[in-house]
């Protein structure tokens, strides 16, 4: 998948991968439709950071979810 291109498919892929890796319990809280292209680079940065790590502390998971919340469409 070429994540260098902004697309709704890439946003959906990254969000789903982040949720899976973090084992998000409330999957409805983070939906691809909550994000738009304006925040694509920030979302990609979060995705790449999540993909590099194997384990997350509860504090790290909370920070990531909070950052995703900050990127949501208003």
N, C-alpha and C. Protein backbone atom coordinates (compact mmCIF):
# COMPACT_ATOMS: atom_id res chain seq x y z
N UNK A 1 0.85 -1.17 0.00
CA UNK A 1 0.00 0.00 0.00
C UNK A 1 0.89 1.23 0.00
N UNK A 2 0.58 2.18 -0.86
CA UNK A 2 1.37 3.41 -0.99
C UNK A 2 0.74 4.49 -0.11
N UNK A 3 1.28 4.64 1.08
CA UNK A 3 0.73 5.60 2.03
C UNK A 3 1.19 7.03 1.76
N UNK A 4 2.02 7.22 0.75
CA UNK A 4 2.45 8.58 0.42
C UNK A 4 1.34 9.34 -0.29
N UNK A 5 0.32 8.64 -0.76
CA UNK A 5 -0.82 9.26 -1.45
C UNK A 5 -1.98 9.44 -0.48
N UNK A 6 -2.51 10.66 -0.40
CA UNK A 6 -3.68 10.92 0.44
C UNK A 6 -4.90 10.29 -0.22
N UNK A 7 -5.54 9.40 0.51
CA UNK A 7 -6.79 8.81 0.01
C UNK A 7 -7.60 8.30 1.19
N UNK A 8 -8.88 8.18 0.99
CA UNK A 8 -9.74 7.66 2.05
C UNK A 8 -9.42 6.21 2.36
N UNK A 9 -8.97 5.47 1.35
CA UNK A 9 -8.59 4.07 1.56
C UNK A 9 -7.36 3.99 2.46
N UNK A 10 -6.40 4.88 2.26
CA UNK A 10 -5.21 4.89 3.11
C UNK A 10 -5.54 5.29 4.53
N UNK A 11 -6.43 6.27 4.69
CA UNK A 11 -6.86 6.68 6.03
C UNK A 11 -7.51 5.49 6.73
N UNK A 12 -8.40 4.81 6.03
CA UNK A 12 -9.08 3.65 6.60
C UNK A 12 -8.08 2.57 6.99
N UNK A 13 -7.12 2.28 6.12
CA UNK A 13 -6.11 1.27 6.40
C UNK A 13 -5.31 1.63 7.65
N UNK A 14 -4.85 2.87 7.73
CA UNK A 14 -4.02 3.27 8.88
C UNK A 14 -4.81 3.22 10.18
N UNK A 15 -6.05 3.70 10.16
CA UNK A 15 -6.88 3.68 11.38
C UNK A 15 -7.12 2.25 11.83
N UNK A 16 -7.46 1.38 10.90
CA UNK A 16 -7.72 -0.02 11.25
C UNK A 16 -6.46 -0.69 11.82
N UNK A 17 -5.31 -0.40 11.23
CA UNK A 17 -4.05 -0.98 11.72
C UNK A 17 -3.71 -0.46 13.11
N UNK A 18 -3.92 0.83 13.35
CA UNK A 18 -3.66 1.41 14.67
C UNK A 18 -4.58 0.77 15.70
N UNK A 19 -5.86 0.65 15.39
CA UNK A 19 -6.81 0.05 16.33
C UNK A 19 -6.43 -1.38 16.65
N UNK A 20 -6.03 -2.13 15.63
CA UNK A 20 -5.64 -3.53 15.84
C UNK A 20 -4.39 -3.64 16.70
N UNK A 21 -3.41 -2.83 16.41
CA UNK A 21 -2.14 -2.90 17.14
C UNK A 21 -2.31 -2.47 18.60
N UNK A 22 -3.16 -1.47 18.83
CA UNK A 22 -3.38 -0.99 20.19
C UNK A 22 -4.46 -1.80 20.92
N UNK A 23 -5.10 -2.69 20.18
CA UNK A 23 -6.20 -3.49 20.74
C UNK A 23 -7.27 -2.60 21.36
N UNK A 24 -7.71 -1.62 20.57
CA UNK A 24 -8.73 -0.68 21.02
C UNK A 24 -10.02 -1.43 21.30
N UNK A 25 -10.55 -1.22 22.50
CA UNK A 25 -11.77 -1.92 22.91
C UNK A 25 -13.00 -1.28 22.28
N UNK A 26 -13.10 0.02 22.34
CA UNK A 26 -14.26 0.73 21.80
C UNK A 26 -13.95 1.15 20.36
N UNK A 27 -14.06 0.18 19.45
CA UNK A 27 -13.68 0.43 18.05
C UNK A 27 -14.55 1.49 17.40
N UNK A 28 -15.74 1.71 17.89
CA UNK A 28 -16.62 2.72 17.33
C UNK A 28 -16.16 4.13 17.64
N UNK A 29 -15.28 4.29 18.61
CA UNK A 29 -14.79 5.61 18.99
C UNK A 29 -13.81 6.17 17.98
N UNK A 30 -13.17 5.30 17.23
CA UNK A 30 -12.19 5.73 16.23
C UNK A 30 -12.59 5.13 14.89
N UNK A 31 -13.16 5.97 14.05
CA UNK A 31 -13.60 5.52 12.73
C UNK A 31 -12.86 6.31 11.65
N UNK A 32 -12.58 5.66 10.53
CA UNK A 32 -11.93 6.38 9.43
C UNK A 32 -12.70 7.63 8.98
N UNK A 33 -14.01 7.60 9.10
CA UNK A 33 -14.81 8.75 8.68
C UNK A 33 -14.61 9.97 9.58
N UNK A 34 -13.99 9.78 10.73
CA UNK A 34 -13.72 10.89 11.65
C UNK A 34 -12.54 11.74 11.21
N UNK A 35 -11.81 11.30 10.19
CA UNK A 35 -10.59 11.97 9.78
C UNK A 35 -10.68 12.43 8.33
N UNK A 36 -10.03 13.54 8.03
CA UNK A 36 -10.02 14.01 6.65
C UNK A 36 -8.59 14.21 6.19
N UNK A 37 -8.43 14.61 4.94
CA UNK A 37 -7.12 14.75 4.33
C UNK A 37 -6.25 15.84 4.93
N UNK A 38 -6.86 16.80 5.62
CA UNK A 38 -6.09 17.89 6.20
C UNK A 38 -5.10 17.40 7.25
N UNK A 39 -5.41 16.33 7.91
CA UNK A 39 -4.55 15.80 8.97
C UNK A 39 -3.84 14.52 8.54
N UNK A 40 -3.74 14.30 7.25
CA UNK A 40 -3.20 13.04 6.73
C UNK A 40 -1.77 12.80 7.20
N UNK A 41 -0.92 13.79 7.11
CA UNK A 41 0.49 13.61 7.49
C UNK A 41 0.63 13.29 8.97
N UNK A 42 -0.15 13.96 9.81
CA UNK A 42 -0.11 13.69 11.25
C UNK A 42 -0.58 12.27 11.54
N UNK A 43 -1.65 11.86 10.86
CA UNK A 43 -2.14 10.50 11.03
C UNK A 43 -1.10 9.48 10.58
N UNK A 44 -0.46 9.77 9.47
CA UNK A 44 0.58 8.86 8.97
C UNK A 44 1.75 8.77 9.95
N UNK A 45 2.13 9.89 10.57
CA UNK A 45 3.19 9.87 11.58
C UNK A 45 2.82 8.97 12.76
N UNK A 46 1.58 9.07 13.22
CA UNK A 46 1.12 8.22 14.32
C UNK A 46 1.14 6.77 13.89
N UNK A 47 0.64 6.48 12.70
CA UNK A 47 0.63 5.12 12.18
C UNK A 47 2.04 4.54 12.13
N UNK A 48 2.99 5.30 11.60
CA UNK A 48 4.36 4.80 11.48
C UNK A 48 4.99 4.55 12.84
N UNK A 49 4.70 5.42 13.81
CA UNK A 49 5.23 5.23 15.16
C UNK A 49 4.63 3.97 15.79
N UNK A 50 3.34 3.78 15.62
CA UNK A 50 2.67 2.59 16.19
C UNK A 50 3.22 1.32 15.55
N UNK A 51 3.45 1.35 14.25
CA UNK A 51 3.95 0.17 13.56
C UNK A 51 5.37 -0.20 13.98
N UNK A 52 6.16 0.77 14.40
CA UNK A 52 7.55 0.50 14.81
C UNK A 52 7.64 -0.19 16.16
N UNK A 53 6.65 0.01 17.01
CA UNK A 53 6.71 -0.51 18.38
C UNK A 53 5.94 -1.83 18.49
N UNK A 54 6.42 -2.70 19.38
CA UNK A 54 5.73 -3.96 19.63
C UNK A 54 4.83 -3.90 20.85
N UNK A 55 5.23 -3.12 21.83
CA UNK A 55 4.47 -3.02 23.08
C UNK A 55 4.23 -1.56 23.43
N UNK A 56 3.11 -1.32 24.10
CA UNK A 56 2.76 0.03 24.51
C UNK A 56 2.35 0.00 25.97
N UNK A 57 2.82 0.98 26.71
CA UNK A 57 2.38 1.13 28.10
C UNK A 57 0.98 1.73 28.07
N UNK A 58 0.24 1.58 29.15
CA UNK A 58 -1.09 2.22 29.19
C UNK A 58 -1.00 3.73 28.95
N UNK A 59 0.03 4.35 29.45
CA UNK A 59 0.20 5.79 29.27
C UNK A 59 0.43 6.13 27.79
N UNK A 60 1.24 5.32 27.10
CA UNK A 60 1.48 5.54 25.67
C UNK A 60 0.20 5.35 24.87
N UNK A 61 -0.56 4.31 25.20
CA UNK A 61 -1.81 4.06 24.49
C UNK A 61 -2.77 5.23 24.69
N UNK A 62 -2.86 5.73 25.91
CA UNK A 62 -3.73 6.86 26.19
C UNK A 62 -3.31 8.08 25.39
N UNK A 63 -2.00 8.34 25.33
CA UNK A 63 -1.50 9.49 24.58
C UNK A 63 -1.80 9.36 23.10
N UNK A 64 -1.66 8.16 22.55
CA UNK A 64 -1.94 7.95 21.13
C UNK A 64 -3.42 8.18 20.83
N UNK A 65 -4.28 7.63 21.67
CA UNK A 65 -5.72 7.79 21.47
C UNK A 65 -6.12 9.25 21.62
N UNK A 66 -5.51 9.95 22.58
CA UNK A 66 -5.79 11.37 22.73
C UNK A 66 -5.36 12.15 21.49
N UNK A 67 -4.20 11.82 20.97
CA UNK A 67 -3.72 12.51 19.76
C UNK A 67 -4.64 12.23 18.58
N UNK A 68 -5.10 11.00 18.45
CA UNK A 68 -6.07 10.70 17.40
C UNK A 68 -7.35 11.53 17.58
N UNK A 69 -7.76 11.68 18.83
CA UNK A 69 -8.92 12.50 19.12
C UNK A 69 -8.72 13.95 18.70
N UNK A 70 -7.49 14.45 18.88
CA UNK A 70 -7.18 15.82 18.47
C UNK A 70 -7.21 15.99 16.95
N UNK A 71 -6.97 14.90 16.21
CA UNK A 71 -6.94 14.96 14.75
C UNK A 71 -8.33 14.82 14.13
N UNK A 72 -9.31 14.43 14.92
CA UNK A 72 -10.65 14.22 14.37
C UNK A 72 -11.22 15.49 13.78
N UNK A 73 -12.09 15.30 12.77
CA UNK A 73 -12.78 16.41 12.15
C UNK A 73 -13.65 17.08 13.21
N UNK A 74 -13.74 18.38 13.11
CA UNK A 74 -14.56 19.15 14.06
C UNK A 74 -16.00 19.17 13.62
